[in-house]
All heavy atoms as atom14 arrays in JSON, in Angstrom:
{
  "sequence": "DIAPPLLILGLRAPVLPLGMPRAALRWFAHRGWIG",
  "atom14_mask": [
    [1, 1, 1, 1, 1, 1, 1, 1, 0, 0, 0, 0, 0, 0],
    [1, 1, 1, 1, 1, 1, 1, 1, 0, 0, 0, 0, 0, 0],
    [1, 1, 1, 1, 1, 0, 0, 0, 0, 0, 0, 0, 0, 0],
    [1, 1, 1, 1, 1, 1, 1, 0, 0, 0, 0, 0, 0, 0],
    [1, 1, 1, 1, 1, 1, 1, 0, 0, 0, 0, 0, 0, 0],
    [1, 1, 1, 1, 1, 1, 1, 1, 0, 0, 0, 0, 0, 0],
    [1, 1, 1, 1, 1, 1, 1, 1, 0, 0, 0, 0, 0, 0],
    [1, 1, 1, 1, 1, 1, 1, 1, 0, 0, 0, 0, 0, 0],
    [1, 1, 1, 1, 1, 1, 1, 1, 0, 0, 0, 0, 0, 0],
    [1, 1, 1, 1, 0, 0, 0, 0, 0, 0, 0, 0, 0, 0],
    [1, 1, 1, 1, 1, 1, 1, 1, 0, 0, 0, 0, 0, 0],
    [1, 1, 1, 1, 1, 1, 1, 1, 1, 1, 1, 0, 0, 0],
    [1, 1, 1, 1, 1, 0, 0, 0, 0, 0, 0, 0, 0, 0],
    [1, 1, 1, 1, 1, 1, 1, 0, 0, 0, 0, 0, 0, 0],
    [1, 1, 1, 1, 1, 1, 1, 0, 0, 0, 0, 0, 0, 0],
    [1, 1, 1, 1, 1, 1, 1, 1, 0, 0, 0, 0, 0, 0],
    [1, 1, 1, 1, 1, 1, 1, 0, 0, 0, 0, 0, 0, 0],
    [1, 1, 1, 1, 1, 1, 1, 1, 0, 0, 0, 0, 0, 0],
    [1, 1, 1, 1, 0, 0, 0, 0, 0, 0, 0, 0, 0, 0],
    [1, 1, 1, 1, 1, 1, 1, 1, 0, 0, 0, 0, 0, 0],
    [1, 1, 1, 1, 1, 1, 1, 0, 0, 0, 0, 0, 0, 0],
    [1, 1, 1, 1, 1, 1, 1, 1, 1, 1, 1, 0, 0, 0],
    [1, 1, 1, 1, 1, 0, 0, 0, 0, 0, 0, 0, 0, 0],
    [1, 1, 1, 1, 1, 0, 0, 0, 0, 0, 0, 0, 0, 0],
    [1, 1, 1, 1, 1, 1, 1, 1, 0, 0, 0, 0, 0, 0],
    [1, 1, 1, 1, 1, 1, 1, 1, 1, 1, 1, 0, 0, 0],
    [1, 1, 1, 1, 1, 1, 1, 1, 1, 1, 1, 1, 1, 1],
    [1, 1, 1, 1, 1, 1, 1, 1, 1, 1, 1, 0, 0, 0],
    [1, 1, 1, 1, 1, 0, 0, 0, 0, 0, 0, 0, 0, 0],
    [1, 1, 1, 1, 1, 1, 1, 1, 1, 1, 0, 0, 0, 0],
    [1, 1, 1, 1, 1, 1, 1, 1, 1, 1, 1, 0, 0, 0],
    [1, 1, 1, 1, 0, 0, 0, 0, 0, 0, 0, 0, 0, 0],
    [1, 1, 1, 1, 1, 1, 1, 1, 1, 1, 1, 1, 1, 1],
    [1, 1, 1, 1, 1, 1, 1, 1, 0, 0, 0, 0, 0, 0],
    [1, 1, 1, 1, 0, 0, 0, 0, 0, 0, 0, 0, 0, 0]
  ],
  "atom14_positions": [
    [[-48.83, 68.73, 17.62], [-48.43, 69.26, 18.93], [-46.99, 69.76, 18.98], [-46.65, 70.53, 19.89], [-48.62, 68.17, 19.98], [-49.26, 68.71, 21.25], [-49.96, 69.72, 21.16], [-49.05, 68.11, 22.32], [0.0, 0.0, 0.0], [0.0, 0.0, 0.0], [0.0, 0.0, 0.0], [0.0, 0.0, 0.0], [0.0, 0.0, 0.0], [0.0, 0.0, 0.0]],
    [[-46.14, 69.31, 18.08], [-44.73, 69.7, 18.12], [-44.4, 70.71, 17.01], [-43.83, 71.78, 17.28], [-43.8, 68.47, 17.99], [-44.12, 67.43, 19.07], [-42.34, 68.91, 18.09], [-43.94, 67.92, 20.48], [0.0, 0.0, 0.0], [0.0, 0.0, 0.0], [0.0, 0.0, 0.0], [0.0, 0.0, 0.0], [0.0, 0.0, 0.0], [0.0, 0.0, 0.0]],
    [[-44.77, 70.4, 15.78], [-44.44, 71.29, 14.67], [-45.13, 72.66, 14.75], [-44.48, 73.68, 14.53], [-44.77, 70.61, 13.34], [0.0, 0.0, 0.0], [0.0, 0.0, 0.0], [0.0, 0.0, 0.0], [0.0, 0.0, 0.0], [0.0, 0.0, 0.0], [0.0, 0.0, 0.0], [0.0, 0.0, 0.0], [0.0, 0.0, 0.0], [0.0, 0.0, 0.0]],
    [[-46.44, 72.74, 15.07], [-47.1, 74.06, 15.08], [-46.46, 75.1, 15.98], [-46.19, 76.23, 15.52], [-48.54, 73.72, 15.5], [-48.76, 72.35, 15.0], [-47.43, 71.65, 15.23], [0.0, 0.0, 0.0], [0.0, 0.0, 0.0], [0.0, 0.0, 0.0], [0.0, 0.0, 0.0], [0.0, 0.0, 0.0], [0.0, 0.0, 0.0], [0.0, 0.0, 0.0]],
    [[-46.18, 74.81, 17.27], [-45.58, 75.87, 18.08], [-44.19, 76.27, 17.6], [-43.8, 77.45, 17.7], [-45.52, 75.26, 19.49], [-45.61, 73.79, 19.3], [-46.46, 73.61, 18.09], [0.0, 0.0, 0.0], [0.0, 0.0, 0.0], [0.0, 0.0, 0.0], [0.0, 0.0, 0.0], [0.0, 0.0, 0.0], [0.0, 0.0, 0.0], [0.0, 0.0, 0.0]],
    [[-43.42, 75.32, 17.05], [-42.1, 75.67, 16.53], [-42.22, 76.62, 15.35], [-41.49, 77.62, 15.25], [-41.35, 74.4, 16.12], [-40.89, 73.49, 17.26], [-40.33, 72.18, 16.7], [-39.85, 74.19, 18.13], [0.0, 0.0, 0.0], [0.0, 0.0, 0.0], [0.0, 0.0, 0.0], [0.0, 0.0, 0.0], [0.0, 0.0, 0.0], [0.0, 0.0, 0.0]],
    [[-43.14, 76.33, 14.44], [-43.33, 77.2, 13.28], [-43.8, 78.6, 13.7], [-43.31, 79.61, 13.18], [-44.35, 76.58, 12.33], [-43.94, 75.26, 11.66], [-45.11, 74.67, 10.88], [-42.74, 75.47, 10.74], [0.0, 0.0, 0.0], [0.0, 0.0, 0.0], [0.0, 0.0, 0.0], [0.0, 0.0, 0.0], [0.0, 0.0, 0.0], [0.0, 0.0, 0.0]],
    [[-44.72, 78.66, 14.64], [-45.25, 79.96, 15.06], [-44.19, 80.75, 15.82], [-44.11, 81.98, 15.68], [-46.52, 79.75, 15.91], [-47.63, 79.17, 15.02], [-46.99, 81.07, 16.51], [-48.87, 78.76, 15.77], [0.0, 0.0, 0.0], [0.0, 0.0, 0.0], [0.0, 0.0, 0.0], [0.0, 0.0, 0.0], [0.0, 0.0, 0.0], [0.0, 0.0, 0.0]],
    [[-43.37, 80.09, 16.63], [-42.27, 80.79, 17.29], [-41.32, 81.41, 16.26], [-40.79, 82.5, 16.47], [-41.49, 79.83, 18.2], [-42.16, 79.46, 19.52], [-41.38, 78.34, 20.22], [-42.26, 80.68, 20.44], [0.0, 0.0, 0.0], [0.0, 0.0, 0.0], [0.0, 0.0, 0.0], [0.0, 0.0, 0.0], [0.0, 0.0, 0.0], [0.0, 0.0, 0.0]],
    [[-41.13, 80.73, 15.15], [-40.29, 81.28, 14.1], [-40.92, 82.43, 13.35], [-40.23, 83.26, 12.76], [0.0, 0.0, 0.0], [0.0, 0.0, 0.0], [0.0, 0.0, 0.0], [0.0, 0.0, 0.0], [0.0, 0.0, 0.0], [0.0, 0.0, 0.0], [0.0, 0.0, 0.0], [0.0, 0.0, 0.0], [0.0, 0.0, 0.0], [0.0, 0.0, 0.0]],
    [[-42.25, 82.51, 13.37], [-42.97, 83.55, 12.62], [-43.27, 84.79, 13.46], [-43.69, 85.81, 12.9], [-44.29, 82.98, 12.1], [-44.18, 81.93, 10.99], [-45.54, 81.32, 10.71], [-43.59, 82.53, 9.72], [0.0, 0.0, 0.0], [0.0, 0.0, 0.0], [0.0, 0.0, 0.0], [0.0, 0.0, 0.0], [0.0, 0.0, 0.0], [0.0, 0.0, 0.0]],
    [[-43.06, 84.71, 14.76], [-43.45, 85.84, 15.6], [-42.65, 87.1, 15.23], [-41.6, 87.02, 14.6], [-43.28, 85.5, 17.08], [-41.85, 85.41, 17.58], [-41.81, 84.82, 18.99], [-40.49, 84.94, 19.59], [-39.48, 84.13, 19.33], [-39.64, 83.13, 18.49], [-38.3, 84.32, 19.93], [0.0, 0.0, 0.0], [0.0, 0.0, 0.0], [0.0, 0.0, 0.0]],
    [[-43.19, 88.24, 15.62], [-42.58, 89.52, 15.27], [-41.09, 89.53, 15.64], [-40.71, 88.97, 16.68], [-43.31, 90.65, 16.0], [0.0, 0.0, 0.0], [0.0, 0.0, 0.0], [0.0, 0.0, 0.0], [0.0, 0.0, 0.0], [0.0, 0.0, 0.0], [0.0, 0.0, 0.0], [0.0, 0.0, 0.0], [0.0, 0.0, 0.0], [0.0, 0.0, 0.0]],
    [[-40.26, 90.1, 14.74], [-40.61, 90.91, 13.57], [-40.76, 90.14, 12.26], [-40.98, 90.76, 11.23], [-39.41, 91.85, 13.48], [-38.26, 91.0, 13.9], [-38.79, 90.1, 14.99], [0.0, 0.0, 0.0], [0.0, 0.0, 0.0], [0.0, 0.0, 0.0], [0.0, 0.0, 0.0], [0.0, 0.0, 0.0], [0.0, 0.0, 0.0], [0.0, 0.0, 0.0]],
    [[-40.62, 88.82, 12.26], [-40.58, 88.1, 10.99], [-41.88, 88.24, 10.21], [-41.87, 88.64, 9.04], [-40.26, 86.61, 11.23], [-40.37, 85.82, 9.93], [-38.86, 86.45, 11.82], [0.0, 0.0, 0.0], [0.0, 0.0, 0.0], [0.0, 0.0, 0.0], [0.0, 0.0, 0.0], [0.0, 0.0, 0.0], [0.0, 0.0, 0.0], [0.0, 0.0, 0.0]],
    [[-43.01, 87.92, 10.83], [-44.25, 87.94, 10.08], [-44.69, 89.36, 9.7], [-45.01, 89.6, 8.53], [-45.35, 87.22, 10.87], [-46.59, 86.83, 10.08], [-46.21, 85.97, 8.88], [-47.57, 86.06, 10.95], [0.0, 0.0, 0.0], [0.0, 0.0, 0.0], [0.0, 0.0, 0.0], [0.0, 0.0, 0.0], [0.0, 0.0, 0.0], [0.0, 0.0, 0.0]],
    [[-44.7, 90.32, 10.62], [-45.17, 91.65, 10.2], [-44.22, 92.37, 9.26], [-44.67, 93.15, 8.41], [-45.32, 92.41, 11.53], [-44.46, 91.7, 12.49], [-44.47, 90.26, 12.07], [0.0, 0.0, 0.0], [0.0, 0.0, 0.0], [0.0, 0.0, 0.0], [0.0, 0.0, 0.0], [0.0, 0.0, 0.0], [0.0, 0.0, 0.0], [0.0, 0.0, 0.0]],
    [[-42.92, 92.15, 9.39], [-41.95, 92.87, 8.55], [-41.45, 92.04, 7.38], [-40.92, 92.59, 6.41], [-40.75, 93.34, 9.38], [-41.04, 94.36, 10.46], [-39.75, 94.75, 11.19], [-41.7, 95.61, 9.87], [0.0, 0.0, 0.0], [0.0, 0.0, 0.0], [0.0, 0.0, 0.0], [0.0, 0.0, 0.0], [0.0, 0.0, 0.0], [0.0, 0.0, 0.0]],
    [[-41.61, 90.73, 7.46], [-41.07, 89.87, 6.42], [-41.99, 89.67, 5.23], [-41.54, 89.3, 4.15], [0.0, 0.0, 0.0], [0.0, 0.0, 0.0], [0.0, 0.0, 0.0], [0.0, 0.0, 0.0], [0.0, 0.0, 0.0], [0.0, 0.0, 0.0], [0.0, 0.0, 0.0], [0.0, 0.0, 0.0], [0.0, 0.0, 0.0], [0.0, 0.0, 0.0]],
    [[-43.27, 89.95, 5.42], [-44.21, 89.81, 4.31], [-44.24, 91.08, 3.48], [-44.04, 92.19, 4.0], [-45.62, 89.52, 4.85], [-45.76, 88.19, 5.54], [-47.43, 87.93, 6.21], [-48.38, 87.79, 4.69], [0.0, 0.0, 0.0], [0.0, 0.0, 0.0], [0.0, 0.0, 0.0], [0.0, 0.0, 0.0], [0.0, 0.0, 0.0], [0.0, 0.0, 0.0]],
    [[-44.46, 90.96, 2.17], [-44.69, 92.17, 1.37], [-45.86, 92.96, 1.94], [-46.82, 92.39, 2.46], [-45.01, 91.6, -0.03], [-44.43, 90.23, -0.03], [-44.53, 89.73, 1.38], [0.0, 0.0, 0.0], [0.0, 0.0, 0.0], [0.0, 0.0, 0.0], [0.0, 0.0, 0.0], [0.0, 0.0, 0.0], [0.0, 0.0, 0.0], [0.0, 0.0, 0.0]],
    [[-45.79, 94.27, 1.85], [-46.82, 95.09, 2.48], [-48.21, 94.79, 1.92], [-49.2, 94.78, 2.66], [-46.48, 96.58, 2.29], [-45.3, 97.03, 3.15], [-45.09, 98.53, 3.06], [-44.06, 98.97, 3.99], [-42.77, 98.99, 3.73], [-42.34, 98.57, 2.54], [-41.89, 99.4, 4.63], [0.0, 0.0, 0.0], [0.0, 0.0, 0.0], [0.0, 0.0, 0.0]],
    [[-48.29, 94.53, 0.63], [-49.6, 94.21, 0.04], [-50.15, 92.91, 0.63], [-51.34, 92.82, 0.97], [-49.49, 94.09, -1.47], [0.0, 0.0, 0.0], [0.0, 0.0, 0.0], [0.0, 0.0, 0.0], [0.0, 0.0, 0.0], [0.0, 0.0, 0.0], [0.0, 0.0, 0.0], [0.0, 0.0, 0.0], [0.0, 0.0, 0.0], [0.0, 0.0, 0.0]],
    [[-49.28, 91.91, 0.79], [-49.72, 90.64, 1.35], [-50.11, 90.79, 2.81], [-51.08, 90.18, 3.28], [-48.61, 89.6, 1.21], [0.0, 0.0, 0.0], [0.0, 0.0, 0.0], [0.0, 0.0, 0.0], [0.0, 0.0, 0.0], [0.0, 0.0, 0.0], [0.0, 0.0, 0.0], [0.0, 0.0, 0.0], [0.0, 0.0, 0.0], [0.0, 0.0, 0.0]],
    [[-49.37, 91.61, 3.55], [-49.68, 91.82, 4.97], [-51.04, 92.49, 5.13], [-51.8, 92.17, 6.04], [-48.6, 92.65, 5.64], [-48.75, 92.84, 7.15], [-48.72, 91.49, 7.85], [-47.65, 93.74, 7.7], [0.0, 0.0, 0.0], [0.0, 0.0, 0.0], [0.0, 0.0, 0.0], [0.0, 0.0, 0.0], [0.0, 0.0, 0.0], [0.0, 0.0, 0.0]],
    [[-51.37, 93.43, 4.23], [-52.69, 94.07, 4.3], [-53.8, 93.04, 4.12], [-54.83, 93.1, 4.77], [-52.79, 95.17, 3.24], [-52.03, 96.45, 3.59], [-52.48, 97.61, 2.73], [-52.19, 97.38, 1.32], [-51.06, 97.74, 0.73], [-50.11, 98.34, 1.43], [-50.86, 97.51, -0.56], [0.0, 0.0, 0.0], [0.0, 0.0, 0.0], [0.0, 0.0, 0.0]],
    [[-53.57, 92.09, 3.21], [-54.56, 91.04, 3.0], [-54.66, 90.13, 4.22], [-55.74, 89.65, 4.56], [-54.2, 90.21, 1.77], [-54.71, 90.81, 0.5], [-54.08, 91.68, -0.32], [-56.01, 90.6, -0.07], [-54.88, 92.03, -1.37], [-56.07, 91.38, -1.25], [-57.11, 89.83, 0.3], [-57.19, 91.4, -2.06], [-58.24, 89.86, -0.51], [-58.27, 90.64, -1.67]],
    [[-53.55, 89.92, 4.88], [-53.53, 89.0, 6.02], [-54.09, 89.63, 7.27], [-54.75, 88.96, 8.07], [-52.11, 88.52, 6.26], [-52.02, 87.42, 7.29], [-52.3, 86.11, 6.94], [-51.66, 87.68, 8.6], [-52.23, 85.09, 7.86], [-51.59, 86.68, 9.54], [-51.87, 85.37, 9.17], [0.0, 0.0, 0.0], [0.0, 0.0, 0.0], [0.0, 0.0, 0.0]],
    [[-53.83, 90.91, 7.46], [-54.15, 91.57, 8.73], [-55.63, 91.97, 8.79], [-55.97, 93.14, 8.99], [-53.25, 92.78, 8.94], [0.0, 0.0, 0.0], [0.0, 0.0, 0.0], [0.0, 0.0, 0.0], [0.0, 0.0, 0.0], [0.0, 0.0, 0.0], [0.0, 0.0, 0.0], [0.0, 0.0, 0.0], [0.0, 0.0, 0.0], [0.0, 0.0, 0.0]],
    [[-56.52, 91.02, 8.59], [-57.96, 91.2, 8.79], [-58.57, 92.22, 7.84], [-59.63, 92.76, 8.11], [-58.28, 91.58, 10.24], [-57.79, 90.57, 11.22], [-58.43, 89.37, 11.43], [-56.71, 90.56, 12.04], [-57.76, 88.68, 12.34], [-56.72, 89.37, 12.72], [0.0, 0.0, 0.0], [0.0, 0.0, 0.0], [0.0, 0.0, 0.0], [0.0, 0.0, 0.0]],
    [[-57.9, 92.52, 6.7], [-58.46, 93.44, 5.73], [-58.94, 92.7, 4.49], [-59.94, 93.05, 3.9], [-57.41, 94.5, 5.34], [-56.94, 95.31, 6.54], [-55.86, 96.3, 6.14], [-55.27, 96.92, 7.32], [-54.3, 97.81, 7.28], [-53.81, 98.21, 6.12], [-53.81, 98.32, 8.38], [0.0, 0.0, 0.0], [0.0, 0.0, 0.0], [0.0, 0.0, 0.0]],
    [[-58.19, 91.7, 4.07], [-58.61, 90.89, 2.95], [-59.31, 89.64, 3.44], [-59.41, 89.37, 4.63], [0.0, 0.0, 0.0], [0.0, 0.0, 0.0], [0.0, 0.0, 0.0], [0.0, 0.0, 0.0], [0.0, 0.0, 0.0], [0.0, 0.0, 0.0], [0.0, 0.0, 0.0], [0.0, 0.0, 0.0], [0.0, 0.0, 0.0], [0.0, 0.0, 0.0]],
    [[-59.79, 88.84, 2.5], [-60.56, 87.65, 2.89], [-59.69, 86.63, 3.6], [-60.16, 85.92, 4.5], [-61.23, 87.03, 1.66], [-60.29, 86.42, 0.66], [-59.72, 87.03, -0.41], [-59.82, 85.08, 0.65], [-58.91, 86.17, -1.1], [-58.96, 84.95, -0.46], [-60.02, 83.97, 1.47], [-58.31, 83.76, -0.78], [-59.38, 82.79, 1.16], [-58.54, 82.68, 0.06]],
    [[-58.38, 86.56, 3.25], [-57.5, 85.62, 3.92], [-57.4, 85.96, 5.41], [-57.49, 85.1, 6.29], [-56.11, 85.61, 3.27], [-56.2, 85.13, 1.82], [-55.15, 84.72, 4.06], [-54.88, 85.18, 1.08], [0.0, 0.0, 0.0], [0.0, 0.0, 0.0], [0.0, 0.0, 0.0], [0.0, 0.0, 0.0], [0.0, 0.0, 0.0], [0.0, 0.0, 0.0]],
    [[-57.2, 87.25, 5.67], [-57.1, 87.68, 7.06], [-58.39, 87.46, 7.83], [-58.36, 87.06, 9.01], [0.0, 0.0, 0.0], [0.0, 0.0, 0.0], [0.0, 0.0, 0.0], [0.0, 0.0, 0.0], [0.0, 0.0, 0.0], [0.0, 0.0, 0.0], [0.0, 0.0, 0.0], [0.0, 0.0, 0.0], [0.0, 0.0, 0.0], [0.0, 0.0, 0.0]]
  ]
}
């Protein structure tokens, strides 16, 4: 209940969309199996 929202607040844009390598982001953004 405490750690998850803190981590996600830290990952919100622009960190997650711009901070990941483009190849990894493609896999994450509902294109690869991870996404």
